[in-house]
PDB file of all heavy atoms in Angstrom:
ATOM      1  N   THR A   1       5.138   0.912   3.928  1.00  0.00           N
ATOM      2  CA  THR A   1       4.232   0.062   4.700  1.00  0.00           C
ATOM      3  C   THR A   1       2.868   0.731   4.785  1.00  0.00           C
ATOM      4  O   THR A   1       2.761   1.894   5.178  1.00  0.00           O
ATOM      5  CB  THR A   1       4.784  -0.180   6.122  1.00  0.00           C
ATOM      6  OG1 THR A   1       6.097  -0.746   6.009  1.00  0.00           O
ATOM      7  CG2 THR A   1       3.888  -1.118   6.906  1.00  0.00           C
ATOM      8  N   ILE A   2       1.851  -0.022   4.378  1.00  0.00           N
ATOM      9  CA  ILE A   2       0.473   0.460   4.461  1.00  0.00           C
ATOM     10  C   ILE A   2      -0.338  -0.529   5.291  1.00  0.00           C
ATOM     11  O   ILE A   2      -0.017  -1.712   5.362  1.00  0.00           O
ATOM     12  CB  ILE A   2      -0.168   0.652   3.064  1.00  0.00           C
ATOM     13  CG1 ILE A   2      -0.097  -0.635   2.240  1.00  0.00           C
ATOM     14  CG2 ILE A   2       0.479   1.814   2.334  1.00  0.00           C
ATOM     15  CD1 ILE A   2      -0.777  -0.545   0.873  1.00  0.00           C
ATOM     16  N   THR A   3      -1.374  -0.020   5.928  1.00  0.00           N
ATOM     17  CA  THR A   3      -2.301  -0.854   6.687  1.00  0.00           C
ATOM     18  C   THR A   3      -3.580  -0.981   5.878  1.00  0.00           C
ATOM     19  O   THR A   3      -4.116   0.016   5.389  1.00  0.00           O
ATOM     20  CB  THR A   3      -2.612  -0.213   8.055  1.00  0.00           C
ATOM     21  OG1 THR A   3      -1.407  -0.140   8.804  1.00  0.00           O
ATOM     22  CG2 THR A   3      -3.629  -1.013   8.827  1.00  0.00           C
ATOM     23  N   THR A   4      -4.070  -2.195   5.752  1.00  0.00           N
ATOM     24  CA  THR A   4      -5.316  -2.394   5.014  1.00  0.00           C
ATOM     25  C   THR A   4      -6.485  -1.848   5.831  1.00  0.00           C
ATOM     26  O   THR A   4      -6.476  -1.923   7.059  1.00  0.00           O
ATOM     27  CB  THR A   4      -5.553  -3.892   4.723  1.00  0.00           C
ATOM     28  OG1 THR A   4      -5.607  -4.593   5.957  1.00  0.00           O
ATOM     29  CG2 THR A   4      -4.437  -4.459   3.875  1.00  0.00           C
ATOM     30  N   THR A   5      -7.456  -1.297   5.142  1.00  0.00           N
ATOM     31  CA  THR A   5      -8.631  -0.782   5.839  1.00  0.00           C
ATOM     32  C   THR A   5      -9.456  -1.934   6.400  1.00  0.00           C
ATOM     33  O   THR A   5     -10.032  -1.808   7.461  1.00  0.00           O
ATOM     34  CB  THR A   5      -9.494   0.097   4.919  1.00  0.00           C
ATOM     35  OG1 THR A   5      -9.780  -0.635   3.723  1.00  0.00           O
ATOM     36  CG2 THR A   5      -8.796   1.391   4.589  1.00  0.00           C
ATOM     37  N   TYR A   6      -9.518  -3.026   5.676  1.00  0.00           N
ATOM     38  CA  TYR A   6     -10.121  -4.256   6.191  1.00  0.00           C
ATOM     39  C   TYR A   6      -9.585  -5.407   5.348  1.00  0.00           C
ATOM     40  O   TYR A   6      -9.177  -5.210   4.199  1.00  0.00           O
ATOM     41  CB  TYR A   6     -11.650  -4.214   6.203  1.00  0.00           C
ATOM     42  CG  TYR A   6     -12.316  -4.215   4.855  1.00  0.00           C
ATOM     43  CD1 TYR A   6     -12.713  -5.403   4.249  1.00  0.00           C
ATOM     44  CD2 TYR A   6     -12.574  -3.030   4.178  1.00  0.00           C
ATOM     45  CE1 TYR A   6     -13.330  -5.408   3.010  1.00  0.00           C
ATOM     46  CE2 TYR A   6     -13.189  -3.023   2.937  1.00  0.00           C
ATOM     47  CZ  TYR A   6     -13.564  -4.217   2.360  1.00  0.00           C
ATOM     48  OH  TYR A   6     -14.174  -4.214   1.139  1.00  0.00           O
ATOM     49  N   SER A   7      -9.531  -6.594   5.923  1.00  0.00           N
ATOM     50  CA  SER A   7      -9.019  -7.766   5.204  1.00  0.00           C
ATOM     51  C   SER A   7      -9.824  -7.982   3.938  1.00  0.00           C
ATOM     52  O   SER A   7     -11.049  -7.969   3.962  1.00  0.00           O
ATOM     53  CB  SER A   7      -9.099  -9.018   6.079  1.00  0.00           C
ATOM     54  OG  SER A   7      -8.208  -8.910   7.142  1.00  0.00           O
ATOM     55  N   GLY A   8      -9.112  -8.175   2.861  1.00  0.00           N
ATOM     56  CA  GLY A   8      -9.775  -8.438   1.590  1.00  0.00           C
ATOM     57  C   GLY A   8     -10.214  -7.204   0.832  1.00  0.00           C
ATOM     58  O   GLY A   8     -10.904  -7.326  -0.174  1.00  0.00           O
ATOM     59  N   CYS A   9      -9.831  -6.015   1.281  1.00  0.00           N
ATOM     60  CA  CYS A   9     -10.220  -4.793   0.572  1.00  0.00           C
ATOM     61  C   CYS A   9      -9.634  -4.835  -0.843  1.00  0.00           C
ATOM     62  O   CYS A   9      -8.410  -4.930  -1.006  1.00  0.00           O
ATOM     63  CB  CYS A   9      -9.722  -3.554   1.310  1.00  0.00           C
ATOM     64  SG  CYS A   9     -10.084  -2.011   0.427  1.00  0.00           S
ATOM     65  N   PRO A  10     -10.480  -4.792  -1.867  1.00  0.00           N
ATOM     66  CA  PRO A  10      -9.987  -4.909  -3.243  1.00  0.00           C
ATOM     67  C   PRO A  10      -9.128  -3.720  -3.689  1.00  0.00           C
ATOM     68  O   PRO A  10      -8.359  -3.844  -4.637  1.00  0.00           O
ATOM     69  CB  PRO A  10     -11.264  -5.007  -4.078  1.00  0.00           C
ATOM     70  CG  PRO A  10     -12.312  -4.367  -3.230  1.00  0.00           C
ATOM     71  CD  PRO A  10     -11.921  -4.631  -1.808  1.00  0.00           C
ATOM     72  N   ALA A  11      -9.209  -2.613  -2.989  1.00  0.00           N
ATOM     73  CA  ALA A  11      -8.446  -1.425  -3.398  1.00  0.00           C
ATOM     74  C   ALA A  11      -6.966  -1.520  -3.024  1.00  0.00           C
ATOM     75  O   ALA A  11      -6.150  -0.789  -3.579  1.00  0.00           O
ATOM     76  CB  ALA A  11      -9.056  -0.177  -2.777  1.00  0.00           C
ATOM     77  N   MET A  12      -6.608  -2.409  -2.102  1.00  0.00           N
ATOM     78  CA  MET A  12      -5.225  -2.438  -1.612  1.00  0.00           C
ATOM     79  C   MET A  12      -4.219  -2.798  -2.695  1.00  0.00           C
ATOM     80  O   MET A  12      -3.124  -2.228  -2.736  1.00  0.00           O
ATOM     81  CB  MET A  12      -5.097  -3.377  -0.411  1.00  0.00           C
ATOM     82  CG  MET A  12      -5.909  -2.934   0.803  1.00  0.00           C
ATOM     83  SD  MET A  12      -5.763  -1.194   1.271  1.00  0.00           S
ATOM     84  CE  MET A  12      -4.075  -1.134   1.815  1.00  0.00           C
ATOM     85  N   ASP A  13      -4.554  -3.704  -3.592  1.00  0.00           N
ATOM     86  CA  ASP A  13      -3.635  -4.040  -4.683  1.00  0.00           C
ATOM     87  C   ASP A  13      -3.449  -2.855  -5.621  1.00  0.00           C
ATOM     88  O   ASP A  13      -2.336  -2.568  -6.068  1.00  0.00           O
ATOM     89  CB  ASP A  13      -4.128  -5.260  -5.456  1.00  0.00           C
ATOM     90  CG  ASP A  13      -4.015  -6.548  -4.650  1.00  0.00           C
ATOM     91  OD1 ASP A  13      -3.166  -6.609  -3.732  1.00  0.00           O
ATOM     92  OD2 ASP A  13      -4.779  -7.492  -4.935  1.00  0.00           O
ATOM     93  N   VAL A  14      -4.537  -2.159  -5.910  1.00  0.00           N
ATOM     94  CA  VAL A  14      -4.464  -0.970  -6.763  1.00  0.00           C
ATOM     95  C   VAL A  14      -3.609   0.104  -6.087  1.00  0.00           C
ATOM     96  O   VAL A  14      -2.765   0.738  -6.731  1.00  0.00           O
ATOM     97  CB  VAL A  14      -5.881  -0.430  -7.084  1.00  0.00           C
ATOM     98  CG1 VAL A  14      -5.815   0.901  -7.817  1.00  0.00           C
ATOM     99  CG2 VAL A  14      -6.667  -1.455  -7.874  1.00  0.00           C
ATOM    100  N   ILE A  15      -3.801   0.303  -4.796  1.00  0.00           N
ATOM    101  CA  ILE A  15      -3.021   1.288  -4.047  1.00  0.00           C
ATOM    102  C   ILE A  15      -1.541   0.926  -4.094  1.00  0.00           C
ATOM    103  O   ILE A  15      -0.692   1.793  -4.332  1.00  0.00           O
ATOM    104  CB  ILE A  15      -3.538   1.401  -2.599  1.00  0.00           C
ATOM    105  CG1 ILE A  15      -4.904   2.091  -2.585  1.00  0.00           C
ATOM    106  CG2 ILE A  15      -2.540   2.153  -1.718  1.00  0.00           C
ATOM    107  CD1 ILE A  15      -5.622   2.037  -1.251  1.00  0.00           C
ATOM    108  N   GLY A  16      -1.207  -0.343  -3.896  1.00  0.00           N
ATOM    109  CA  GLY A  16       0.187  -0.783  -3.981  1.00  0.00           C
ATOM    110  C   GLY A  16       0.782  -0.494  -5.345  1.00  0.00           C
ATOM    111  O   GLY A  16       1.920  -0.001  -5.459  1.00  0.00           O
ATOM    112  N   ASP A  17       0.032  -0.781  -6.410  1.00  0.00           N
ATOM    113  CA  ASP A  17       0.501  -0.497  -7.771  1.00  0.00           C
ATOM    114  C   ASP A  17       0.730   0.999  -7.975  1.00  0.00           C
ATOM    115  O   ASP A  17       1.715   1.402  -8.597  1.00  0.00           O
ATOM    116  CB  ASP A  17      -0.503  -1.010  -8.806  1.00  0.00           C
ATOM    117  CG  ASP A  17      -0.569  -2.530  -8.870  1.00  0.00           C
ATOM    118  OD1 ASP A  17       0.367  -3.203  -8.366  1.00  0.00           O
ATOM    119  OD2 ASP A  17      -1.565  -3.048  -9.420  1.00  0.00           O
ATOM    120  N   GLU A  18      -0.189   1.826  -7.454  1.00  0.00           N
ATOM    121  CA  GLU A  18      -0.046   3.277  -7.620  1.00  0.00           C
ATOM    122  C   GLU A  18       1.146   3.817  -6.832  1.00  0.00           C
ATOM    123  O   GLU A  18       1.835   4.728  -7.294  1.00  0.00           O
ATOM    124  CB  GLU A  18      -1.348   3.975  -7.236  1.00  0.00           C
ATOM    125  CG  GLU A  18      -2.441   3.709  -8.254  1.00  0.00           C
ATOM    126  CD  GLU A  18      -3.742   4.425  -7.960  1.00  0.00           C
ATOM    127  OE1 GLU A  18      -3.746   5.412  -7.204  1.00  0.00           O
ATOM    128  OE2 GLU A  18      -4.770   3.969  -8.494  1.00  0.00           O
ATOM    129  N   ILE A  19       1.415   3.261  -5.660  1.00  0.00           N
ATOM    130  CA  ILE A  19       2.596   3.654  -4.879  1.00  0.00           C
ATOM    131  C   ILE A  19       3.855   3.367  -5.690  1.00  0.00           C
ATOM    132  O   ILE A  19       4.728   4.230  -5.839  1.00  0.00           O
ATOM    133  CB  ILE A  19       2.641   2.903  -3.527  1.00  0.00           C
ATOM    134  CG1 ILE A  19       1.569   3.454  -2.585  1.00  0.00           C
ATOM    135  CG2 ILE A  19       4.033   2.995  -2.895  1.00  0.00           C
ATOM    136  CD1 ILE A  19       1.370   2.631  -1.316  1.00  0.00           C
ATOM    137  N   ARG A  20       3.947   2.145  -6.235  1.00  0.00           N
ATOM    138  CA  ARG A  20       5.117   1.777  -7.040  1.00  0.00           C
ATOM    139  C   ARG A  20       5.260   2.683  -8.256  1.00  0.00           C
ATOM    140  O   ARG A  20       6.360   3.142  -8.586  1.00  0.00           O
ATOM    141  CB  ARG A  20       5.026   0.302  -7.456  1.00  0.00           C
ATOM    142  CG  ARG A  20       5.349  -0.660  -6.319  1.00  0.00           C
ATOM    143  CD  ARG A  20       5.363  -2.123  -6.785  1.00  0.00           C
ATOM    144  NE  ARG A  20       4.031  -2.695  -6.849  1.00  0.00           N
ATOM    145  CZ  ARG A  20       3.363  -3.155  -5.800  1.00  0.00           C
ATOM    146  NH1 ARG A  20       3.896  -3.126  -4.595  1.00  0.00           N
ATOM    147  NH2 ARG A  20       2.157  -3.647  -5.944  1.00  0.00           N
ATOM    148  N   GLN A  21       4.144   2.988  -8.916  1.00  0.00           N
ATOM    149  CA  GLN A  21       4.181   3.832 -10.110  1.00  0.00           C
ATOM    150  C   GLN A  21       4.665   5.243  -9.778  1.00  0.00           C
ATOM    151  O   GLN A  21       5.539   5.782 -10.465  1.00  0.00           O
ATOM    152  CB  GLN A  21       2.795   3.885 -10.765  1.00  0.00           C
ATOM    153  CG  GLN A  21       2.762   4.751 -12.006  1.00  0.00           C
ATOM    154  CD  GLN A  21       1.367   4.794 -12.634  1.00  0.00           C
ATOM    155  OE1 GLN A  21       0.456   4.099 -12.213  1.00  0.00           O
ATOM    156  NE2 GLN A  21       1.223   5.624 -13.641  1.00  0.00           N
ATOM    157  N   VAL A  22       4.124   5.859  -8.740  1.00  0.00           N
ATOM    158  CA  VAL A  22       4.515   7.218  -8.363  1.00  0.00           C
ATOM    159  C   VAL A  22       6.006   7.284  -8.027  1.00  0.00           C
ATOM    160  O   VAL A  22       6.722   8.188  -8.461  1.00  0.00           O
ATOM    161  CB  VAL A  22       3.656   7.745  -7.185  1.00  0.00           C
ATOM    162  CG1 VAL A  22       4.283   8.941  -6.510  1.00  0.00           C
ATOM    163  CG2 VAL A  22       2.253   8.088  -7.667  1.00  0.00           C
ATOM    164  N   LEU A  23       6.473   6.311  -7.257  1.00  0.00           N
ATOM    165  CA  LEU A  23       7.884   6.329  -6.849  1.00  0.00           C
ATOM    166  C   LEU A  23       8.815   6.000  -8.013  1.00  0.00           C
ATOM    167  O   LEU A  23       9.892   6.596  -8.132  1.00  0.00           O
ATOM    168  CB  LEU A  23       8.112   5.394  -5.663  1.00  0.00           C
ATOM    169  CG  LEU A  23       7.423   5.825  -4.366  1.00  0.00           C
ATOM    170  CD1 LEU A  23       7.724   4.844  -3.238  1.00  0.00           C
ATOM    171  CD2 LEU A  23       7.828   7.238  -3.967  1.00  0.00           C
ATOM    172  N   ARG A  24       8.407   5.109  -8.890  1.00  0.00           N
ATOM    173  CA  ARG A  24       9.240   4.807 -10.073  1.00  0.00           C
ATOM    174  C   ARG A  24       9.328   6.016 -10.996  1.00  0.00           C
ATOM    175  O   ARG A  24      10.385   6.299 -11.554  1.00  0.00           O
ATOM    176  CB  ARG A  24       8.716   3.575 -10.789  1.00  0.00           C
ATOM    177  CG  ARG A  24       9.040   2.308 -10.012  1.00  0.00           C
ATOM    178  CD  ARG A  24       8.653   1.041 -10.740  1.00  0.00           C
ATOM    179  NE  ARG A  24       9.018  -0.103  -9.923  1.00  0.00           N
ATOM    180  CZ  ARG A  24       8.234  -1.130  -9.694  1.00  0.00           C
ATOM    181  NH1 ARG A  24       7.028  -1.196 -10.238  1.00  0.00           N
ATOM    182  NH2 ARG A  24       8.646  -2.127  -8.931  1.00  0.00           N
ATOM    183  N   GLN A  25       8.216   6.730 -11.165  1.00  0.00           N
ATOM    184  CA  GLN A  25       8.235   7.942 -11.992  1.00  0.00           C
ATOM    185  C   GLN A  25       9.154   9.010 -11.403  1.00  0.00           C
ATOM    186  O   GLN A  25       9.673   9.844 -12.118  1.00  0.00           O
ATOM    187  CB  GLN A  25       6.823   8.496 -12.176  1.00  0.00           C
ATOM    188  CG  GLN A  25       5.983   7.671 -13.111  1.00  0.00           C
ATOM    189  CD  GLN A  25       4.544   8.169 -13.198  1.00  0.00           C
ATOM    190  OE1 GLN A  25       4.068   8.947 -12.375  1.00  0.00           O
ATOM    191  NE2 GLN A  25       3.826   7.689 -14.207  1.00  0.00           N
ATOM    192  N   ALA A  26       9.347   8.953 -10.091  1.00  0.00           N
ATOM    193  CA  ALA A  26      10.239   9.905  -9.418  1.00  0.00           C
ATOM    194  C   ALA A  26      11.685   9.412  -9.403  1.00  0.00           C
ATOM    195  O   ALA A  26      12.552  10.063  -8.823  1.00  0.00           O
ATOM    196  CB  ALA A  26       9.756  10.159  -7.996  1.00  0.00           C
ATOM    197  N   GLY A  27      11.940   8.257 -10.033  1.00  0.00           N
ATOM    198  CA  GLY A  27      13.315   7.773 -10.153  1.00  0.00           C
ATOM    199  C   GLY A  27      13.716   6.680  -9.186  1.00  0.00           C
ATOM    200  O   GLY A  27      14.884   6.297  -9.145  1.00  0.00           O
ATOM    201  N   TYR A  28      12.776   6.164  -8.413  1.00  0.00           N
ATOM    202  CA  TYR A  28      13.085   5.081  -7.472  1.00  0.00           C
ATOM    203  C   TYR A  28      12.721   3.750  -8.126  1.00  0.00           C
ATOM    204  O   TYR A  28      11.552   3.422  -8.270  1.00  0.00           O
ATOM    205  CB  TYR A  28      12.316   5.267  -6.157  1.00  0.00           C
ATOM    206  CG  TYR A  28      12.695   6.532  -5.444  1.00  0.00           C
ATOM    207  CD1 TYR A  28      11.937   7.688  -5.594  1.00  0.00           C
ATOM    208  CD2 TYR A  28      13.823   6.572  -4.626  1.00  0.00           C
ATOM    209  CE1 TYR A  28      12.293   8.864  -4.934  1.00  0.00           C
ATOM    210  CE2 TYR A  28      14.185   7.747  -3.967  1.00  0.00           C
ATOM    211  CZ  TYR A  28      13.414   8.879  -4.135  1.00  0.00           C
ATOM    212  OH  TYR A  28      13.763  10.033  -3.492  1.00  0.00           O
ATOM    213  N   ALA A  29      13.743   2.996  -8.528  1.00  0.00           N
ATOM    214  CA  ALA A  29      13.517   1.757  -9.278  1.00  0.00           C
ATOM    215  C   ALA A  29      13.170   0.573  -8.383  1.00  0.00           C
ATOM    216  O   ALA A  29      12.433  -0.326  -8.794  1.00  0.00           O
ATOM    217  CB  ALA A  29      14.751   1.428 -10.115  1.00  0.00           C
ATOM    218  N   ASN A  30      13.677   0.553  -7.176  1.00  0.00           N
ATOM    219  CA  ASN A  30      13.503  -0.590  -6.290  1.00  0.00           C
ATOM    220  C   ASN A  30      12.516  -0.221  -5.176  1.00  0.00           C
ATOM    221  O   ASN A  30      12.898   0.349  -4.163  1.00  0.00           O
ATOM    222  CB  ASN A  30      14.867  -0.997  -5.708  1.00  0.00           C
ATOM    223  CG  ASN A  30      14.805  -2.275  -4.918  1.00  0.00           C
ATOM    224  OD1 ASN A  30      13.743  -2.871  -4.720  1.00  0.00           O
ATOM    225  ND2 ASN A  30      15.957  -2.722  -4.446  1.00  0.00           N
ATOM    226  N   VAL A  31      11.244  -0.544  -5.402  1.00  0.00           N
ATOM    227  CA  VAL A  31      10.180  -0.170  -4.462  1.00  0.00           C
ATOM    228  C   VAL A  31       9.451  -1.430  -4.003  1.00  0.00           C
ATOM    229  O   VAL A  31       9.030  -2.255  -4.815  1.00  0.00           O
ATOM    230  CB  VAL A  31       9.165   0.795  -5.120  1.00  0.00           C
ATOM    231  CG1 VAL A  31       8.028   1.121  -4.171  1.00  0.00           C
ATOM    232  CG2 VAL A  31       9.858   2.057  -5.611  1.00  0.00           C
ATOM    233  N   MET A  32       9.307  -1.564  -2.703  1.00  0.00           N
ATOM    234  CA  MET A  32       8.555  -2.683  -2.131  1.00  0.00           C
ATOM    235  C   MET A  32       7.417  -2.108  -1.285  1.00  0.00           C
ATOM    236  O   MET A  32       7.632  -1.173  -0.508  1.00  0.00           O
ATOM    237  CB  MET A  32       9.460  -3.543  -1.262  1.00  0.00           C
ATOM    238  CG  MET A  32       8.765  -4.774  -0.726  1.00  0.00           C
ATOM    239  SD  MET A  32       9.896  -5.889   0.115  1.00  0.00           S
ATOM    240  CE  MET A  32       9.681  -5.319   1.782  1.00  0.00           C
ATOM    241  N   VAL A  33       6.225  -2.660  -1.436  1.00  0.00           N
ATOM    242  CA  VAL A  33       5.068  -2.243  -0.649  1.00  0.00           C
ATOM    243  C   VAL A  33       4.679  -3.404   0.262  1.00  0.00           C
ATOM    244  O   VAL A  33       4.420  -4.512  -0.209  1.00  0.00           O
ATOM    245  CB  VAL A  33       3.877  -1.841  -1.537  1.00  0.00           C
ATOM    246  CG1 VAL A  33       2.674  -1.468  -0.697  1.00  0.00           C
ATOM    247  CG2 VAL A  33       4.261  -0.699  -2.473  1.00  0.00           C
ATOM    248  N   LYS A  34       4.668  -3.135   1.557  1.00  0.00           N
ATOM    249  CA  LYS A  34       4.278  -4.141   2.548  1.00  0.00           C
ATOM    250  C   LYS A  34       2.897  -3.786   3.095  1.00  0.00           C
ATOM    251  O   LYS A  34       2.631  -2.624   3.384  1.00  0.00           O
ATOM    252  CB  LYS A  34       5.267  -4.169   3.719  1.00  0.00           C
ATOM    253  CG  LYS A  34       6.646  -4.611   3.355  1.00  0.00           C
ATOM    254  CD  LYS A  34       7.601  -4.779   4.527  1.00  0.00           C
ATOM    255  CE  LYS A  34       7.345  -3.984   5.758  1.00  0.00           C
ATOM    256  NZ  LYS A  34       8.396  -4.085   6.785  1.00  0.00           N
ATOM    257  N   GLN A  35       2.047  -4.802   3.220  1.00  0.00           N
ATOM    258  CA  GLN A  35       0.744  -4.604   3.850  1.00  0.00           C
ATOM    259  C   GLN A  35       0.815  -5.122   5.280  1.00  0.00           C
ATOM    260  O   GLN A  35       1.208  -6.256   5.510  1.00  0.00           O
ATOM    261  CB  GLN A  35      -0.355  -5.318   3.066  1.00  0.00           C
ATOM    262  CG  GLN A  35      -0.630  -4.671   1.737  1.00  0.00           C
ATOM    263  CD  GLN A  35      -1.831  -5.276   1.039  1.00  0.00           C
ATOM    264  OE1 GLN A  35      -2.679  -5.917   1.652  1.00  0.00           O
ATOM    265  NE2 GLN A  35      -1.905  -5.059  -0.260  1.00  0.00           N
ATOM    266  N   GLN A  36       0.428  -4.283   6.199  1.00  0.00           N
ATOM    267  CA  GLN A  36       0.493  -4.585   7.624  1.00  0.00           C
ATOM    268  C   GLN A  36      -0.930  -4.752   8.151  1.00  0.00           C
ATOM    269  O   GLN A  36      -1.786  -3.908   7.902  1.00  0.00           O
ATOM    270  CB  GLN A  36       1.199  -3.401   8.290  1.00  0.00           C
ATOM    271  CG  GLN A  36       1.160  -3.329   9.765  1.00  0.00           C
ATOM    272  CD  GLN A  36       1.910  -2.087  10.221  1.00  0.00           C
ATOM    273  OE1 GLN A  36       3.106  -1.981  10.047  1.00  0.00           O
ATOM    274  NE2 GLN A  36       1.194  -1.134  10.794  1.00  0.00           N
ATOM    275  N   LEU A  37      -1.163  -5.823   8.878  1.00  0.00           N
ATOM    276  CA  LEU A  37      -2.506  -6.076   9.409  1.00  0.00           C
ATOM    277  C   LEU A  37      -2.677  -5.605  10.845  1.00  0.00           C
ATOM    278  O   LEU A  37      -3.793  -5.388  11.300  1.00  0.00           O
ATOM    279  CB  LEU A  37      -2.843  -7.566   9.318  1.00  0.00           C
ATOM    280  CG  LEU A  37      -2.902  -8.141   7.902  1.00  0.00           C
ATOM    281  CD1 LEU A  37      -3.162  -9.637   7.946  1.00  0.00           C
ATOM    282  CD2 LEU A  37      -3.947  -7.427   7.072  1.00  0.00           C
ATOM    283  N   ALA A  38      -1.573  -5.468  11.577  1.00  0.00           N
ATOM    284  CA  ALA A  38      -1.663  -5.049  12.979  1.00  0.00           C
ATOM    285  C   ALA A  38      -0.671  -3.924  13.232  1.00  0.00           C
ATOM    286  O   ALA A  38       0.458  -3.988  12.741  1.00  0.00           O
ATOM    287  CB  ALA A  38      -1.379  -6.225  13.904  1.00  0.00           C
ATOM    288  N   PRO A  39      -1.079  -2.895  13.937  1.00  0.00           N
ATOM    289  CA  PRO A  39      -2.413  -2.754  14.505  1.00  0.00           C
ATOM    290  C   PRO A  39      -3.452  -2.544  13.401  1.00  0.00           C
ATOM    291  O   PRO A  39      -3.149  -1.993  12.344  1.00  0.00           O
ATOM    292  CB  PRO A  39      -2.302  -1.510  15.393  1.00  0.00           C
ATOM    293  CG  PRO A  39      -1.200  -0.706  14.793  1.00  0.00           C
ATOM    294  CD  PRO A  39      -0.239  -1.708  14.207  1.00  0.00           C
ATOM    295  N   ALA A  40      -4.640  -3.002  13.678  1.00  0.00           N
ATOM    296  CA  ALA A  40      -5.720  -2.893  12.703  1.00  0.00           C
ATOM    297  C   ALA A  40      -6.076  -1.431  12.467  1.00  0.00           C
ATOM    298  O   ALA A  40      -6.108  -0.624  13.392  1.00  0.00           O
ATOM    299  CB  ALA A  40      -6.948  -3.650  13.204  1.00  0.00           C
ATOM    300  N   TRP A  41      -6.343  -1.114  11.192  1.00  0.00           N
ATOM    301  CA  TRP A  41      -6.741   0.242  10.829  1.00  0.00           C
ATOM    302  C   TRP A  41      -8.068   0.569  11.489  1.00  0.00           C
ATOM    303  O   TRP A  41      -8.927  -0.295  11.699  1.00  0.00           O
ATOM    304  CB  TRP A  41      -6.877   0.357   9.309  1.00  0.00           C
ATOM    305  CG  TRP A  41      -7.308   1.699   8.844  1.00  0.00           C
ATOM    306  CD1 TRP A  41      -6.521   2.801   8.647  1.00  0.00           C
ATOM    307  CD2 TRP A  41      -8.637   2.114   8.506  1.00  0.00           C
ATOM    308  NE1 TRP A  41      -7.276   3.859   8.219  1.00  0.00           N
ATOM    309  CE2 TRP A  41      -8.576   3.469   8.127  1.00  0.00           C
ATOM    310  CE3 TRP A  41      -9.863   1.468   8.502  1.00  0.00           C
ATOM    311  CZ2 TRP A  41      -9.701   4.179   7.730  1.00  0.00           C
ATOM    312  CZ3 TRP A  41     -10.984   2.180   8.111  1.00  0.00           C
ATOM    313  CH2 TRP A  41     -10.892   3.520   7.730  1.00  0.00           C
ATOM    314  N   THR A  42      -8.253   1.819  11.823  1.00  0.00           N
ATOM    315  CA  THR A  42      -9.500   2.308  12.390  1.00  0.00           C
ATOM    316  C   THR A  42      -9.832   3.648  11.754  1.00  0.00           C
ATOM    317  O   THR A  42      -8.935   4.381  11.325  1.00  0.00           O
ATOM    318  CB  THR A  42      -9.393   2.445  13.929  1.00  0.00           C
ATOM    319  OG1 THR A  42     -10.524   3.172  14.412  1.00  0.00           O
ATOM    320  CG2 THR A  42      -8.135   3.166  14.351  1.00  0.00           C
ATOM    321  N   THR A  43     -11.104   3.967  11.703  1.00  0.00           N
ATOM    322  CA  THR A  43     -11.506   5.262  11.148  1.00  0.00           C
ATOM    323  C   THR A  43     -10.988   6.419  11.997  1.00  0.00           C
ATOM    324  O   THR A  43     -10.985   7.556  11.551  1.00  0.00           O
ATOM    325  CB  THR A  43     -13.038   5.344  11.009  1.00  0.00           C
ATOM    326  OG1 THR A  43     -13.648   4.962  12.240  1.00  0.00           O
ATOM    327  CG2 THR A  43     -13.533   4.442   9.892  1.00  0.00           C
ATOM    328  N   ASP A  44     -10.511   6.126  13.208  1.00  0.00           N
ATOM    329  CA  ASP A  44      -9.880   7.158  14.033  1.00  0.00           C
ATOM    330  C   ASP A  44      -8.670   7.757  13.324  1.00  0.00           C
ATOM    331  O   ASP A  44      -8.261   8.874  13.615  1.00  0.00           O
ATOM    332  CB  ASP A  44      -9.405   6.592  15.369  1.00  0.00           C
ATOM    333  CG  ASP A  44     -10.536   6.108  16.258  1.00  0.00           C
ATOM    334  OD1 ASP A  44     -11.710   6.357  15.930  1.00  0.00           O
ATOM    335  OD2 ASP A  44     -10.237   5.467  17.278  1.00  0.00           O
TER     336      ASP A  44
END
């Protein structure tokens, strides 16, 4: 589960793909990436 930095951030799809790639290379075939909007991400 990842939180988007802001709605519509174009990097989130790339990040999801990279998460799946890293975990598949480590032998995890069944990987799901969920994007969570709340609580909203903050620079904190």
